[in-house]
PDB file of N, CA and C in Angstrom:
ATOM      1  N   MET A   1       0.839  -1.188   0.000  1.00  0.00           N
ATOM      2  CA  MET A   1       0.000   0.000   0.000  1.00  0.00           C
ATOM      3  C   MET A   1       0.876   1.241   0.000  1.00  0.00           C
ATOM      4  N   LYS A   2       0.374   2.266  -0.628  1.00  0.00           N
ATOM      5  CA  LYS A   2       1.119   3.511  -0.678  1.00  0.00           C
ATOM      6  C   LYS A   2       0.847   4.332   0.580  1.00  0.00           C
ATOM      7  N   THR A   3       1.727   5.299   0.800  1.00  0.00           N
ATOM      8  CA  THR A   3       1.641   6.124   2.010  1.00  0.00           C
ATOM      9  C   THR A   3       0.327   6.896   2.080  1.00  0.00           C
ATOM     10  N   GLY A   4      -0.148   7.400   0.942  1.00  0.00           N
ATOM     11  CA  GLY A   4      -1.390   8.167   0.931  1.00  0.00           C
ATOM     12  C   GLY A   4      -2.592   7.355   1.375  1.00  0.00           C
ATOM     13  N   LYS A   5      -2.659   6.110   0.924  1.00  0.00           N
ATOM     14  CA  LYS A   5      -3.794   5.263   1.317  1.00  0.00           C
ATOM     15  C   LYS A   5      -3.719   4.879   2.782  1.00  0.00           C
ATOM     16  N   ILE A   6      -2.511   4.630   3.267  1.00  0.00           N
ATOM     17  CA  ILE A   6      -2.349   4.277   4.681  1.00  0.00           C
ATOM     18  C   ILE A   6      -2.769   5.450   5.570  1.00  0.00           C
ATOM     19  N   LEU A   7      -2.329   6.663   5.209  1.00  0.00           N
ATOM     20  CA  LEU A   7      -2.721   7.843   5.993  1.00  0.00           C
ATOM     21  C   LEU A   7      -4.223   8.086   5.914  1.00  0.00           C
ATOM     22  N   LEU A   8      -4.821   7.812   4.758  1.00  0.00           N
ATOM     23  CA  LEU A   8      -6.267   7.986   4.622  1.00  0.00           C
ATOM     24  C   LEU A   8      -7.021   7.038   5.541  1.00  0.00           C
ATOM     25  N   ILE A   9      -6.600   5.785   5.583  1.00  0.00           N
ATOM     26  CA  ILE A   9      -7.262   4.801   6.444  1.00  0.00           C
ATOM     27  C   ILE A   9      -7.102   5.169   7.912  1.00  0.00           C
ATOM     28  N   ILE A  10      -5.889   5.540   8.306  1.00  0.00           N
ATOM     29  CA  ILE A  10      -5.651   5.928   9.702  1.00  0.00           C
ATOM     30  C   ILE A  10      -6.449   7.182  10.050  1.00  0.00           C
ATOM     31  N   GLY A  11      -6.502   8.146   9.124  1.00  0.00           N
ATOM     32  CA  GLY A  11      -7.259   9.369   9.363  1.00  0.00           C
ATOM     33  C   GLY A  11      -8.744   9.117   9.511  1.00  0.00           C
ATOM     34  N   LEU A  12      -9.287   8.236   8.676  1.00  0.00           N
ATOM     35  CA  LEU A  12     -10.722   7.939   8.775  1.00  0.00           C
ATOM     36  C   LEU A  12     -11.052   7.188  10.059  1.00  0.00           C
ATOM     37  N   ILE A  13     -10.149   6.304  10.482  1.00  0.00           N
ATOM     38  CA  ILE A  13     -10.365   5.615  11.759  1.00  0.00           C
ATOM     39  C   ILE A  13     -10.314   6.614  12.911  1.00  0.00           C
ATOM     40  N   THR A  14      -9.382   7.566  12.826  1.00  0.00           N
ATOM     41  CA  THR A  14      -9.266   8.586  13.867  1.00  0.00           C
ATOM     42  C   THR A  14     -10.511   9.467  13.920  1.00  0.00           C
ATOM     43  N   VAL A  15     -11.030   9.820  12.755  1.00  0.00           N
ATOM     44  CA  VAL A  15     -12.264  10.620  12.723  1.00  0.00           C
ATOM     45  C   VAL A  15     -13.430   9.832  13.303  1.00  0.00           C
ATOM     46  N   ALA A  16     -13.495   8.536  13.022  1.00  0.00           N
ATOM     47  CA  ALA A  16     -14.562   7.705  13.575  1.00  0.00           C
ATOM     48  C   ALA A  16     -14.464   7.626  15.094  1.00  0.00           C
ATOM     49  N   VAL A  17     -13.244   7.489  15.613  1.00  0.00           N
ATOM     50  CA  VAL A  17     -13.052   7.459  17.064  1.00  0.00           C
ATOM     51  C   VAL A  17     -13.463   8.802  17.671  1.00  0.00           C
ATOM     52  N   GLY A  18     -13.104   9.895  16.999  1.00  0.00           N
ATOM     53  CA  GLY A  18     -13.501  11.214  17.484  1.00  0.00           C
ATOM     54  C   GLY A  18     -15.007  11.400  17.482  1.00  0.00           C
ATOM     55  N   ALA A  19     -15.678  10.831  16.486  1.00  0.00           N
ATOM     56  CA  ALA A  19     -17.138  10.922  16.438  1.00  0.00           C
ATOM     57  C   ALA A  19     -17.773  10.152  17.587  1.00  0.00           C
ATOM     58  N   VAL A  20     -17.210   8.993  17.913  1.00  0.00           N
ATOM     59  CA  VAL A  20     -17.732   8.213  19.036  1.00  0.00           C
ATOM     60  C   VAL A  20     -17.479   8.957  20.343  1.00  0.00           C
ATOM     61  N   LEU A  21     -16.287   9.543  20.486  1.00  0.00           N
ATOM     62  CA  LEU A  21     -15.978  10.284  21.707  1.00  0.00           C
ATOM     63  C   LEU A  21     -16.857  11.517  21.860  1.00  0.00           C
ATOM     64  N   SER A  22     -17.269  12.125  20.741  1.00  0.00           N
ATOM     65  CA  SER A  22     -18.091  13.335  20.840  1.00  0.00           C
ATOM     66  C   SER A  22     -19.492  13.026  21.348  1.00  0.00           C
ATOM     67  N   THR A  23     -19.928  11.763  21.228  1.00  0.00           N
ATOM     68  CA  THR A  23     -21.240  11.410  21.771  1.00  0.00           C
ATOM     69  C   THR A  23     -21.181  11.223  23.283  1.00  0.00           C
ATOM     70  N   GLN A  24     -19.976  11.011  23.807  1.00  0.00           N
ATOM     71  CA  GLN A  24     -19.792  10.856  25.252  1.00  0.00           C
ATOM     72  C   GLN A  24     -19.528  12.232  25.866  1.00  0.00           C
ATOM     73  N   ASP A  25     -19.267  12.268  27.142  1.00  0.00           N
ATOM     74  CA  ASP A  25     -18.984  13.533  27.820  1.00  0.00           C
ATOM     75  C   ASP A  25     -17.480  13.800  27.906  1.00  0.00           C
ATOM     76  N   ILE A  26     -16.757  13.422  26.869  1.00  0.00           N
ATOM     77  CA  ILE A  26     -15.301  13.627  26.826  1.00  0.00           C
ATOM     78  C   ILE A  26     -15.037  14.670  25.741  1.00  0.00           C
ATOM     79  N   GLU A  27     -15.569  15.842  25.906  1.00  0.00           N
ATOM     80  CA  GLU A  27     -15.610  16.840  24.840  1.00  0.00           C
ATOM     81  C   GLU A  27     -14.240  17.337  24.373  1.00  0.00           C
ATOM     82  N   PRO A  28     -13.315  17.749  25.226  1.00  0.00           N
ATOM     83  CA  PRO A  28     -12.051  18.297  24.688  1.00  0.00           C
ATOM     84  C   PRO A  28     -11.253  17.260  23.909  1.00  0.00           C
ATOM     85  N   TYR A  29     -11.214  16.025  24.403  1.00  0.00           N
ATOM     86  CA  TYR A  29     -10.450  14.993  23.703  1.00  0.00           C
ATOM     87  C   TYR A  29     -11.091  14.655  22.361  1.00  0.00           C
ATOM     88  N   ALA A  30     -12.388  14.720  22.273  1.00  0.00           N
ATOM     89  CA  ALA A  30     -13.074  14.455  21.006  1.00  0.00           C
ATOM     90  C   ALA A  30     -12.706  15.507  19.972  1.00  0.00           C
ATOM     91  N   ASP A  31     -12.641  16.754  20.389  1.00  0.00           N
ATOM     92  CA  ASP A  31     -12.262  17.822  19.461  1.00  0.00           C
ATOM     93  C   ASP A  31     -10.846  17.626  18.943  1.00  0.00           C
ATOM     94  N   TYR A  32      -9.921  17.311  19.827  1.00  0.00           N
ATOM     95  CA  TYR A  32      -8.532  17.091  19.411  1.00  0.00           C
ATOM     96  C   TYR A  32      -8.426  15.892  18.475  1.00  0.00           C
ATOM     97  N   THR A  33      -9.174  14.854  18.750  1.00  0.00           N
ATOM     98  CA  THR A  33      -9.131  13.659  17.911  1.00  0.00           C
ATOM     99  C   THR A  33      -9.701  13.946  16.526  1.00  0.00           C
ATOM    100  N   LEU A  34     -10.794  14.698  16.466  1.00  0.00           N
ATOM    101  CA  LEU A  34     -11.374  15.045  15.175  1.00  0.00           C
ATOM    102  C   LEU A  34     -10.433  15.918  14.354  1.00  0.00           C
ATOM    103  N   VAL A  35      -9.774  16.864  14.988  1.00  0.00           N
ATOM    104  CA  VAL A  35      -8.828  17.724  14.275  1.00  0.00           C
ATOM    105  C   VAL A  35      -7.632  16.918  13.773  1.00  0.00           C
ATOM    106  N   ALA A  36      -7.121  16.028  14.603  1.00  0.00           N
ATOM    107  CA  ALA A  36      -5.983  15.192  14.181  1.00  0.00           C
ATOM    108  C   ALA A  36      -6.381  14.297  13.011  1.00  0.00           C
ATOM    109  N   GLY A  37      -7.570  13.742  13.035  1.00  0.00           N
ATOM    110  CA  GLY A  37      -8.039  12.909  11.930  1.00  0.00           C
ATOM    111  C   GLY A  37      -8.202  13.707  10.650  1.00  0.00           C
ATOM    112  N   ALA A  38      -8.708  14.929  10.772  1.00  0.00           N
ATOM    113  CA  ALA A  38      -8.864  15.776   9.586  1.00  0.00           C
ATOM    114  C   ALA A  38      -7.512  16.142   8.988  1.00  0.00           C
ATOM    115  N   VAL A  39      -6.525  16.404   9.833  1.00  0.00           N
ATOM    116  CA  VAL A  39      -5.180  16.718   9.344  1.00  0.00           C
ATOM    117  C   VAL A  39      -4.592  15.515   8.619  1.00  0.00           C
ATOM    118  N   LEU A  40      -4.802  14.323   9.142  1.00  0.00           N
ATOM    119  CA  LEU A  40      -4.297  13.118   8.479  1.00  0.00           C
ATOM    120  C   LEU A  40      -4.958  12.901   7.124  1.00  0.00           C
ATOM    121  N   VAL A  41      -6.252  13.172   7.026  1.00  0.00           N
ATOM    122  CA  VAL A  41      -6.946  13.006   5.749  1.00  0.00           C
ATOM    123  C   VAL A  41      -6.430  14.019   4.733  1.00  0.00           C
ATOM    124  N   VAL A  42      -6.192  15.249   5.159  1.00  0.00           N
ATOM    125  CA  VAL A  42      -5.658  16.262   4.245  1.00  0.00           C
ATOM    126  C   VAL A  42      -4.243  15.894   3.797  1.00  0.00           C
ATOM    127  N   LEU A  43      -3.421  15.413   4.722  1.00  0.00           N
ATOM    128  CA  LEU A  43      -2.072  14.994   4.363  1.00  0.00           C
ATOM    129  C   LEU A  43      -2.089  13.805   3.408  1.00  0.00           C
ATOM    130  N   SER A  44      -3.037  12.902   3.581  1.00  0.00           N
ATOM    131  CA  SER A  44      -3.111  11.759   2.676  1.00  0.00           C
ATOM    132  C   SER A  44      -3.442  12.217   1.261  1.00  0.00           C
ATOM    133  N   GLY A  45      -4.307  13.214   1.145  1.00  0.00           N
ATOM    134  CA  GLY A  45      -4.606  13.772  -0.177  1.00  0.00           C
ATOM    135  C   GLY A  45      -3.386  14.400  -0.813  1.00  0.00           C
ATOM    136  N   SER A  46      -2.572  15.043   0.001  1.00  0.00           N
ATOM    137  CA  SER A  46      -1.335  15.634  -0.499  1.00  0.00           C
ATOM    138  C   SER A  46      -0.370  14.570  -1.007  1.00  0.00           C
ATOM    139  N   PHE A  47      -0.234  13.496  -0.255  1.00  0.00           N
ATOM    140  CA  PHE A  47       0.655  12.414  -0.685  1.00  0.00           C
ATOM    141  C   PHE A  47       0.124  11.712  -1.933  1.00  0.00           C
ATOM    142  N   ARG A  48      -1.184  11.573  -2.025  1.00  0.00           N
ATOM    143  CA  ARG A  48      -1.769  10.895  -3.180  1.00  0.00           C
ATOM    144  C   ARG A  48      -1.627  11.750  -4.445  1.00  0.00           C
ATOM    145  N   MET A  49      -1.748  13.063  -4.322  1.00  0.00           N
ATOM    146  CA  MET A  49      -1.595  13.942  -5.492  1.00  0.00           C
ATOM    147  C   MET A  49      -0.136  14.010  -5.917  1.00  0.00           C
ATOM    148  N   ARG A  50       0.777  13.957  -4.967  1.00  0.00           N
ATOM    149  CA  ARG A  50       2.191  13.995  -5.297  1.00  0.00           C
ATOM    150  C   ARG A  50       2.612  12.718  -6.020  1.00  0.00           C
ATOM    151  N   GLY A  51       1.976  11.598  -5.684  1.00  0.00           N
ATOM    152  CA  GLY A  51       2.322  10.326  -6.278  1.00  0.00           C
ATOM    153  C   GLY A  51       1.846  10.171  -7.725  1.00  0.00           C
ATOM    154  N   LYS A  52       0.868  10.975  -8.118  1.00  0.00           N
ATOM    155  CA  LYS A  52       0.339  10.828  -9.489  1.00  0.00           C
ATOM    156  C   LYS A  52       1.198  11.490 -10.486  1.00  0.00           C
TER     157      LYS A  52
END
């Protein structure tokens, strides 16, 4: 697998974990997790465009 796809999968899993945490009363950690997942998804797009 290429780096872009790996980062995309990890980013989407991180966003899913952040979504689950946001339903609980763990609000600050959910926000940080969602932001980290979004950054990973954006970076994966950058790696995928560079590879083409």
